[in-house]
Amino acid sequence: MDRTPRPERPHVPEYGIPTSDEGTLPWAWARERLTEALTYWVATVRPDGRPHLMPTWGVWVDDAFYWEGGLQTRRARNLAQRDDVSVSVGGDEAVVIVEGHAERVLEPDATLEARLVAAFAKYAQPFDYTVDPGNWRTGGLWRVHPTVAFGWTAHGYPRDATRWRFG
């Protein structure tokens, strides 16, 4: 069964977003940006309802976002209270925003662990960083299960503004 989210239009009145699906971006376009990004902006919700936004390194594997982080970080403490999260990549040319729910991954199976290690290798050359899966057991490995995503390009907005819903 194909679980690839289908593109549709976000509903944003008065922004000139077309109502037809013609010109929407394919999910492969968003996946490529999520996979290749080096910096991800992760937003969580503090216990008092205020937002908390921080950059982090991470990887996009099997249509989920993973990042490392200690259990005493503000982000981890927020997630212990409320698992709502947004993740964004992009800049001046294009943007992808993923909304969903985060969970701590205590023991990834060997196959997933190997895929994550391979994906984190993108940080080796520019930053001399090699991921250590042992840290995931004592620190934190987090996974975001997306519920909805949005994307557009600087030169195509509002014509290419796209929303993808996950089942």
Protein backbone atom coordinates (compact mmCIF):
# COMPACT_ATOMS: atom_id res chain seq x y z
CA MET A 1 0.00 0.00 0.00
CA ASP A 2 1.36 3.44 -0.98
CA ARG A 3 1.49 5.69 2.09
CA THR A 4 2.95 8.68 0.27
CA PRO A 5 0.97 11.75 1.26
CA ARG A 6 -0.95 13.34 -1.58
CA PRO A 7 -0.52 17.03 -2.31
CA GLU A 8 -3.43 19.40 -1.77
CA ARG A 9 -3.87 23.10 -1.21
CA PRO A 10 -3.65 24.76 2.19
CA HIS A 11 -6.63 26.96 3.01
CA VAL A 12 -5.31 30.48 3.51
CA PRO A 13 -7.93 33.03 2.47
CA GLU A 14 -6.79 36.24 0.78
CA TYR A 15 -3.27 34.98 -0.07
CA GLY A 16 -4.02 34.09 -3.68
CA ILE A 17 -3.46 30.36 -3.25
CA PRO A 18 -5.20 28.55 -6.12
CA THR A 19 -8.06 26.22 -5.29
CA SER A 20 -7.12 23.59 -7.88
CA ASP A 21 -4.35 21.07 -7.17
CA GLU A 22 -2.63 21.95 -10.44
CA GLY A 23 0.86 23.24 -9.66
CA THR A 24 1.19 21.63 -6.23
CA LEU A 25 4.60 20.26 -5.30
CA PRO A 26 5.16 16.49 -5.19
CA TRP A 27 6.05 14.85 -1.87
CA ALA A 28 9.39 13.78 -3.42
CA TRP A 29 10.32 17.49 -3.60
CA ALA A 30 9.68 17.94 0.14
CA ARG A 31 11.40 14.66 1.04
CA GLU A 32 14.54 15.71 -0.83
CA ARG A 33 14.77 18.97 1.12
CA LEU A 34 14.11 17.23 4.42
CA THR A 35 16.77 14.60 3.67
CA GLU A 36 19.48 16.99 2.48
CA ALA A 37 19.08 19.72 5.12
CA LEU A 38 21.83 20.22 7.66
CA THR A 39 19.97 22.54 10.03
CA TYR A 40 16.44 21.83 11.22
CA TRP A 41 14.40 24.22 13.32
CA VAL A 42 12.39 22.34 15.97
CA ALA A 43 9.53 24.03 17.79
CA THR A 44 8.02 22.58 20.97
CA VAL A 45 5.55 23.94 23.52
CA ARG A 46 6.61 24.89 27.04
CA PRO A 47 4.40 23.74 29.94
CA ASP A 48 2.99 27.28 30.23
CA GLY A 49 2.04 27.27 26.53
CA ARG A 50 4.85 29.50 25.25
CA PRO A 51 6.67 28.30 22.12
CA HIS A 52 10.28 27.14 22.17
CA LEU A 53 12.27 27.11 18.92
CA MET A 54 15.83 25.83 18.48
CA PRO A 55 18.03 24.67 15.63
CA THR A 56 19.39 21.14 15.65
CA TRP A 57 21.06 18.57 13.44
CA GLY A 58 18.92 15.65 12.40
CA VAL A 59 17.98 13.20 9.67
CA TRP A 60 14.92 12.35 7.64
CA VAL A 61 14.55 8.55 7.39
CA ASP A 62 11.47 6.58 6.30
CA ASP A 63 9.30 9.71 6.28
CA ALA A 64 10.08 10.56 9.90
CA PHE A 65 12.45 13.11 11.44
CA TYR A 66 15.09 11.98 13.97
CA TRP A 67 17.39 14.05 16.14
CA GLU A 68 19.64 13.55 19.12
CA GLY A 69 19.28 15.51 22.32
CA GLY A 70 19.84 15.25 26.03
CA LEU A 71 16.97 14.62 28.39
CA GLN A 72 17.62 17.86 30.29
CA THR A 73 17.29 20.14 27.28
CA ARG A 74 14.32 22.50 27.27
CA ARG A 75 13.05 20.70 24.15
CA ALA A 76 13.11 17.27 25.85
CA ARG A 77 11.46 18.62 28.99
CA ASN A 78 8.76 20.22 26.84
CA LEU A 79 8.17 16.95 24.99
CA ALA A 80 7.83 15.08 28.28
CA GLN A 81 4.76 17.25 28.95
CA ARG A 82 3.37 17.63 25.44
CA ASP A 83 4.48 15.79 22.30
CA ASP A 84 3.35 18.40 19.75
CA VAL A 85 6.23 19.53 17.53
CA SER A 86 6.97 21.40 14.32
CA VAL A 87 10.12 20.96 12.24
CA SER A 88 11.18 23.36 9.50
CA VAL A 89 13.92 23.42 6.87
CA GLY A 90 14.67 25.86 4.13
CA GLY A 91 15.56 29.44 3.62
CA ASP A 92 15.19 32.10 1.01
CA GLU A 93 14.46 29.76 -1.90
CA ALA A 94 12.14 27.10 -0.48
CA VAL A 95 10.62 25.94 2.79
CA VAL A 96 9.19 22.72 4.20
CA ILE A 97 7.37 22.64 7.53
CA VAL A 98 6.36 19.37 9.20
CA GLU A 99 3.92 19.18 12.10
CA GLY A 100 3.45 16.07 14.19
CA HIS A 101 4.14 14.26 17.42
CA ALA A 102 7.53 13.39 18.88
CA GLU A 103 8.53 10.34 20.84
CA ARG A 104 11.76 9.20 22.44
CA VAL A 105 13.27 6.14 20.74
CA LEU A 106 15.00 4.01 23.35
CA GLU A 107 16.21 1.04 21.33
CA PRO A 108 16.11 1.36 17.55
CA ASP A 109 16.32 -2.04 15.91
CA ALA A 110 19.55 -2.88 14.08
CA THR A 111 18.17 -2.03 10.65
CA LEU A 112 16.88 1.38 11.72
CA GLU A 113 20.08 2.09 13.64
CA ALA A 114 22.17 1.37 10.54
CA ARG A 115 19.95 3.63 8.41
CA LEU A 116 20.21 6.44 10.96
CA VAL A 117 24.00 6.14 11.22
CA ALA A 118 24.24 6.27 7.41
CA ALA A 119 21.98 9.33 7.29
CA PHE A 120 23.90 11.17 10.04
CA ALA A 121 27.06 10.69 7.95
CA LYS A 122 26.10 13.91 6.12
CA TYR A 123 27.68 15.77 9.08
CA ALA A 124 31.08 14.00 8.83
CA GLN A 125 32.65 16.10 6.10
CA PRO A 126 31.47 19.61 6.91
CA PHE A 127 31.60 19.28 10.72
CA ASP A 128 33.87 16.31 11.50
CA TYR A 129 30.99 14.69 13.42
CA THR A 130 30.36 10.97 13.68
CA VAL A 131 27.18 9.84 15.38
CA ASP A 132 27.46 7.42 18.33
CA PRO A 133 24.33 5.28 18.74
CA GLY A 134 25.42 4.50 22.30
CA ASN A 135 24.47 8.06 23.21
CA TRP A 136 20.89 7.36 22.19
CA ARG A 137 20.44 4.91 25.05
CA THR A 138 21.72 7.27 27.74
CA GLY A 139 20.79 10.60 26.18
CA GLY A 140 18.04 10.87 23.70
CA LEU A 141 17.00 9.94 20.21
CA TRP A 142 13.73 11.50 19.15
CA ARG A 143 11.41 10.69 16.25
CA VAL A 144 8.72 12.92 14.81
CA HIS A 145 5.73 11.19 13.29
CA PRO A 146 4.35 13.76 10.82
CA THR A 147 0.65 14.50 10.63
CA VAL A 148 0.78 17.35 8.10
CA ALA A 149 3.45 19.19 6.10
CA PHE A 150 3.56 22.40 4.09
CA GLY A 151 5.93 23.57 1.39
CA TRP A 152 6.47 26.26 -1.21
CA THR A 153 9.19 27.99 -3.20
CA ALA A 154 10.10 31.66 -3.14
CA HIS A 155 9.52 32.09 -6.85
CA GLY A 156 6.40 29.93 -7.02
CA TYR A 157 4.42 31.13 -4.02
CA PRO A 158 1.42 31.27 -3.89
CA ARG A 159 0.97 29.13 -7.03
CA ASP A 160 2.94 26.17 -5.61
CA ALA A 161 1.83 26.37 -1.95
CA THR A 162 1.20 22.74 -0.99
CA ARG A 163 -0.07 20.78 2.00
CA TRP A 164 0.47 17.05 2.53
CA ARG A 165 -1.56 15.06 5.08
CA PHE A 166 -0.25 11.84 6.59
CA GLY A 167 -2.50 8.93 7.46
